Amino acid sequence: MKTKAQQDAKRQRSILKQTAELASNPSLHDRFFFRMNEPSDINGHMAFLASQVYEKDVVEFGFGHGSSTTAFLYGGCKSLIS
């Protein structure tokens, strides 16, 4: 079983890899950082949401302005149903 530090390091590597891959799609990258810096009820949680969904299936029930959807897509989810 992996330690928390090993899991965190793996997650950080995943985020760095995703960031490099997103260079080919700046609109998603730009949208994510715009939403994350825009005052809202979810902006403080977007980085966490993005860090939890890499290669996972996500089902989202309801949405407001698309901030969480953007975070899930930015995080590299395998599939998203919203």
N, C-alpha and C. Protein backbone atom coordinates (compact mmCIF):
# COMPACT_ATOMS: atom_id res chain seq x y z
N MET A 1 0.85 -1.19 0.00
CA MET A 1 0.00 0.00 0.00
C MET A 1 0.89 1.24 0.00
N LYS A 2 0.50 2.22 -0.83
CA LYS A 2 1.29 3.44 -0.94
C LYS A 2 1.01 4.37 0.23
N THR A 3 2.05 5.07 0.63
CA THR A 3 1.88 6.04 1.71
C THR A 3 1.20 7.30 1.14
N LYS A 4 0.73 8.14 2.03
CA LYS A 4 0.10 9.38 1.61
C LYS A 4 1.08 10.25 0.83
N ALA A 5 2.34 10.28 1.25
CA ALA A 5 3.36 11.07 0.55
C ALA A 5 3.56 10.56 -0.88
N GLN A 6 3.55 9.24 -1.06
CA GLN A 6 3.70 8.66 -2.39
C GLN A 6 2.48 8.99 -3.26
N GLN A 7 1.30 8.92 -2.67
CA GLN A 7 0.08 9.26 -3.41
C GLN A 7 0.08 10.73 -3.80
N ASP A 8 0.51 11.59 -2.87
CA ASP A 8 0.57 13.02 -3.17
C ASP A 8 1.58 13.31 -4.27
N ALA A 9 2.72 12.64 -4.23
CA ALA A 9 3.74 12.84 -5.26
C ALA A 9 3.22 12.38 -6.62
N LYS A 10 2.52 11.25 -6.65
CA LYS A 10 1.94 10.76 -7.90
C LYS A 10 0.91 11.74 -8.44
N ARG A 11 0.07 12.26 -7.56
CA ARG A 11 -0.95 13.23 -7.96
C ARG A 11 -0.28 14.50 -8.51
N GLN A 12 0.78 14.94 -7.86
CA GLN A 12 1.48 16.14 -8.32
C GLN A 12 2.09 15.91 -9.70
N ARG A 13 2.68 14.73 -9.93
CA ARG A 13 3.23 14.40 -11.25
C ARG A 13 2.12 14.40 -12.30
N SER A 14 0.96 13.88 -11.92
CA SER A 14 -0.18 13.86 -12.84
C SER A 14 -0.60 15.27 -13.22
N ILE A 15 -0.66 16.14 -12.23
CA ILE A 15 -1.06 17.52 -12.49
C ILE A 15 -0.05 18.21 -13.40
N LEU A 16 1.23 17.98 -13.16
CA LEU A 16 2.26 18.57 -14.01
C LEU A 16 2.15 18.05 -15.44
N LYS A 17 1.90 16.76 -15.58
CA LYS A 17 1.73 16.16 -16.91
C LYS A 17 0.52 16.77 -17.60
N GLN A 18 -0.58 16.91 -16.86
CA GLN A 18 -1.80 17.49 -17.43
C GLN A 18 -1.54 18.93 -17.88
N THR A 19 -0.80 19.67 -17.07
CA THR A 19 -0.52 21.06 -17.41
C THR A 19 0.24 21.14 -18.72
N ALA A 20 1.22 20.26 -18.90
CA ALA A 20 1.99 20.24 -20.15
C ALA A 20 1.10 19.87 -21.33
N GLU A 21 0.20 18.89 -21.14
CA GLU A 21 -0.70 18.47 -22.20
C GLU A 21 -1.69 19.57 -22.55
N LEU A 22 -2.06 20.38 -21.59
CA LEU A 22 -3.05 21.43 -21.82
C LEU A 22 -2.51 22.61 -22.61
N ALA A 23 -1.20 22.63 -22.80
CA ALA A 23 -0.62 23.71 -23.61
C ALA A 23 -1.21 23.70 -25.02
N SER A 24 -1.68 22.53 -25.47
CA SER A 24 -2.29 22.43 -26.79
C SER A 24 -3.74 22.91 -26.80
N ASN A 25 -4.32 23.17 -25.62
CA ASN A 25 -5.70 23.65 -25.53
C ASN A 25 -5.76 24.81 -24.55
N PRO A 26 -5.24 25.96 -24.95
CA PRO A 26 -5.20 27.09 -24.00
C PRO A 26 -6.55 27.59 -23.56
N SER A 27 -7.58 27.36 -24.35
CA SER A 27 -8.89 27.88 -23.94
C SER A 27 -9.38 27.21 -22.66
N LEU A 28 -9.17 25.90 -22.53
CA LEU A 28 -9.56 25.22 -21.29
C LEU A 28 -8.68 25.69 -20.13
N HIS A 29 -7.39 25.78 -20.38
CA HIS A 29 -6.45 26.26 -19.37
C HIS A 29 -6.84 27.67 -18.91
N ASP A 30 -7.07 28.55 -19.87
CA ASP A 30 -7.45 29.92 -19.54
C ASP A 30 -8.77 29.98 -18.79
N ARG A 31 -9.73 29.17 -19.24
CA ARG A 31 -11.04 29.16 -18.59
C ARG A 31 -10.93 28.68 -17.14
N PHE A 32 -10.12 27.64 -16.93
CA PHE A 32 -9.95 27.11 -15.57
C PHE A 32 -9.40 28.20 -14.64
N PHE A 33 -8.32 28.86 -15.06
CA PHE A 33 -7.72 29.87 -14.18
C PHE A 33 -8.60 31.11 -14.04
N PHE A 34 -9.35 31.44 -15.08
CA PHE A 34 -10.29 32.55 -14.95
C PHE A 34 -11.35 32.22 -13.90
N ARG A 35 -11.95 31.02 -14.02
CA ARG A 35 -12.99 30.61 -13.06
C ARG A 35 -12.43 30.48 -11.65
N MET A 36 -11.21 29.99 -11.53
CA MET A 36 -10.61 29.80 -10.22
C MET A 36 -10.36 31.14 -9.52
N ASN A 37 -10.08 32.17 -10.31
CA ASN A 37 -9.80 33.49 -9.73
C ASN A 37 -11.02 34.40 -9.68
N GLU A 38 -12.12 33.94 -10.24
CA GLU A 38 -13.36 34.72 -10.21
C GLU A 38 -14.09 34.48 -8.88
N PRO A 39 -14.50 35.53 -8.18
CA PRO A 39 -15.22 35.32 -6.91
C PRO A 39 -16.50 34.50 -7.11
N SER A 40 -16.60 33.40 -6.39
CA SER A 40 -17.78 32.55 -6.45
C SER A 40 -17.80 31.64 -5.23
N ASP A 41 -18.84 30.83 -5.13
CA ASP A 41 -18.93 29.91 -4.00
C ASP A 41 -18.04 28.69 -4.18
N ILE A 42 -17.50 28.47 -5.37
CA ILE A 42 -16.71 27.26 -5.64
C ILE A 42 -15.26 27.54 -6.01
N ASN A 43 -14.91 28.79 -6.27
CA ASN A 43 -13.56 29.07 -6.78
C ASN A 43 -12.45 28.56 -5.87
N GLY A 44 -12.66 28.53 -4.59
CA GLY A 44 -11.64 28.04 -3.67
C GLY A 44 -11.50 26.53 -3.66
N HIS A 45 -12.40 25.83 -4.34
CA HIS A 45 -12.39 24.37 -4.37
C HIS A 45 -11.98 23.79 -5.72
N MET A 46 -11.79 24.65 -6.71
CA MET A 46 -11.55 24.16 -8.06
C MET A 46 -10.25 23.37 -8.20
N ALA A 47 -9.18 23.83 -7.57
CA ALA A 47 -7.91 23.10 -7.66
C ALA A 47 -8.05 21.71 -7.04
N PHE A 48 -8.77 21.62 -5.93
CA PHE A 48 -9.00 20.33 -5.30
C PHE A 48 -9.81 19.42 -6.22
N LEU A 49 -10.89 19.95 -6.79
CA LEU A 49 -11.71 19.15 -7.70
C LEU A 49 -10.87 18.62 -8.86
N ALA A 50 -10.08 19.49 -9.45
CA ALA A 50 -9.25 19.09 -10.59
C ALA A 50 -8.24 18.02 -10.19
N SER A 51 -7.73 18.11 -8.98
CA SER A 51 -6.69 17.16 -8.55
C SER A 51 -7.24 15.78 -8.22
N GLN A 52 -8.56 15.65 -8.09
CA GLN A 52 -9.15 14.39 -7.65
C GLN A 52 -9.71 13.54 -8.78
N VAL A 53 -9.76 14.03 -10.01
CA VAL A 53 -10.51 13.33 -11.05
C VAL A 53 -9.67 12.72 -12.17
N TYR A 54 -8.36 12.81 -12.09
CA TYR A 54 -7.52 12.33 -13.19
C TYR A 54 -7.83 10.87 -13.51
N GLU A 55 -8.20 10.62 -14.78
CA GLU A 55 -8.53 9.29 -15.30
C GLU A 55 -9.67 8.60 -14.54
N LYS A 56 -10.59 9.38 -14.02
CA LYS A 56 -11.76 8.83 -13.32
C LYS A 56 -13.03 9.23 -14.06
N ASP A 57 -14.07 8.43 -13.89
CA ASP A 57 -15.39 8.76 -14.42
C ASP A 57 -16.07 9.71 -13.43
N VAL A 58 -16.68 10.77 -13.95
CA VAL A 58 -17.31 11.78 -13.09
C VAL A 58 -18.76 11.96 -13.52
N VAL A 59 -19.65 11.98 -12.55
CA VAL A 59 -21.06 12.32 -12.78
C VAL A 59 -21.34 13.57 -11.94
N GLU A 60 -21.81 14.59 -12.62
CA GLU A 60 -22.07 15.88 -11.96
C GLU A 60 -23.58 16.13 -12.00
N PHE A 61 -24.18 16.37 -10.85
CA PHE A 61 -25.61 16.63 -10.77
C PHE A 61 -25.83 18.13 -10.59
N GLY A 62 -26.29 18.77 -11.63
CA GLY A 62 -26.56 20.19 -11.59
C GLY A 62 -25.30 21.02 -11.78
N PHE A 63 -25.48 22.21 -12.29
CA PHE A 63 -24.35 23.12 -12.46
C PHE A 63 -24.87 24.54 -12.49
N GLY A 64 -23.99 25.46 -12.21
CA GLY A 64 -24.35 26.87 -12.22
C GLY A 64 -23.77 27.56 -13.44
N HIS A 65 -22.53 28.00 -13.32
CA HIS A 65 -21.86 28.70 -14.41
C HIS A 65 -20.78 27.85 -15.08
N GLY A 66 -20.71 26.58 -14.74
CA GLY A 66 -19.76 25.69 -15.38
C GLY A 66 -18.39 25.62 -14.73
N SER A 67 -18.25 26.19 -13.55
CA SER A 67 -16.94 26.18 -12.89
C SER A 67 -16.48 24.77 -12.53
N SER A 68 -17.35 23.99 -11.91
CA SER A 68 -16.95 22.63 -11.53
C SER A 68 -16.73 21.77 -12.77
N THR A 69 -17.57 21.95 -13.79
CA THR A 69 -17.37 21.22 -15.04
C THR A 69 -16.01 21.53 -15.63
N THR A 70 -15.65 22.80 -15.63
CA THR A 70 -14.33 23.21 -16.13
C THR A 70 -13.22 22.56 -15.31
N ALA A 71 -13.39 22.52 -13.99
CA ALA A 71 -12.37 21.89 -13.12
C ALA A 71 -12.23 20.41 -13.43
N PHE A 72 -13.36 19.71 -13.64
CA PHE A 72 -13.29 18.28 -13.96
C PHE A 72 -12.59 18.04 -15.29
N LEU A 73 -12.92 18.84 -16.29
CA LEU A 73 -12.28 18.69 -17.59
C LEU A 73 -10.79 19.03 -17.51
N TYR A 74 -10.47 20.09 -16.81
CA TYR A 74 -9.07 20.49 -16.63
C TYR A 74 -8.28 19.42 -15.89
N GLY A 75 -8.93 18.75 -14.94
CA GLY A 75 -8.28 17.71 -14.17
C GLY A 75 -8.04 16.41 -14.93
N GLY A 76 -8.57 16.29 -16.12
CA GLY A 76 -8.30 15.13 -16.95
C GLY A 76 -9.17 13.92 -16.63
N CYS A 77 -10.44 14.16 -16.32
CA CYS A 77 -11.32 13.03 -16.04
C CYS A 77 -11.45 12.16 -17.29
N LYS A 78 -11.67 10.87 -17.06
CA LYS A 78 -11.80 9.93 -18.17
C LYS A 78 -13.11 10.16 -18.91
N SER A 79 -14.18 10.39 -18.18
CA SER A 79 -15.47 10.70 -18.77
C SER A 79 -16.24 11.61 -17.83
N LEU A 80 -17.15 12.39 -18.40
CA LEU A 80 -17.93 13.33 -17.60
C LEU A 80 -19.37 13.33 -18.08
N ILE A 81 -20.28 13.09 -17.16
CA ILE A 81 -21.71 13.21 -17.42
C ILE A 81 -22.20 14.33 -16.52
N SER A 82 -22.79 15.35 -17.14
CA SER A 82 -23.22 16.51 -16.38
C SER A 82 -24.69 16.78 -16.63
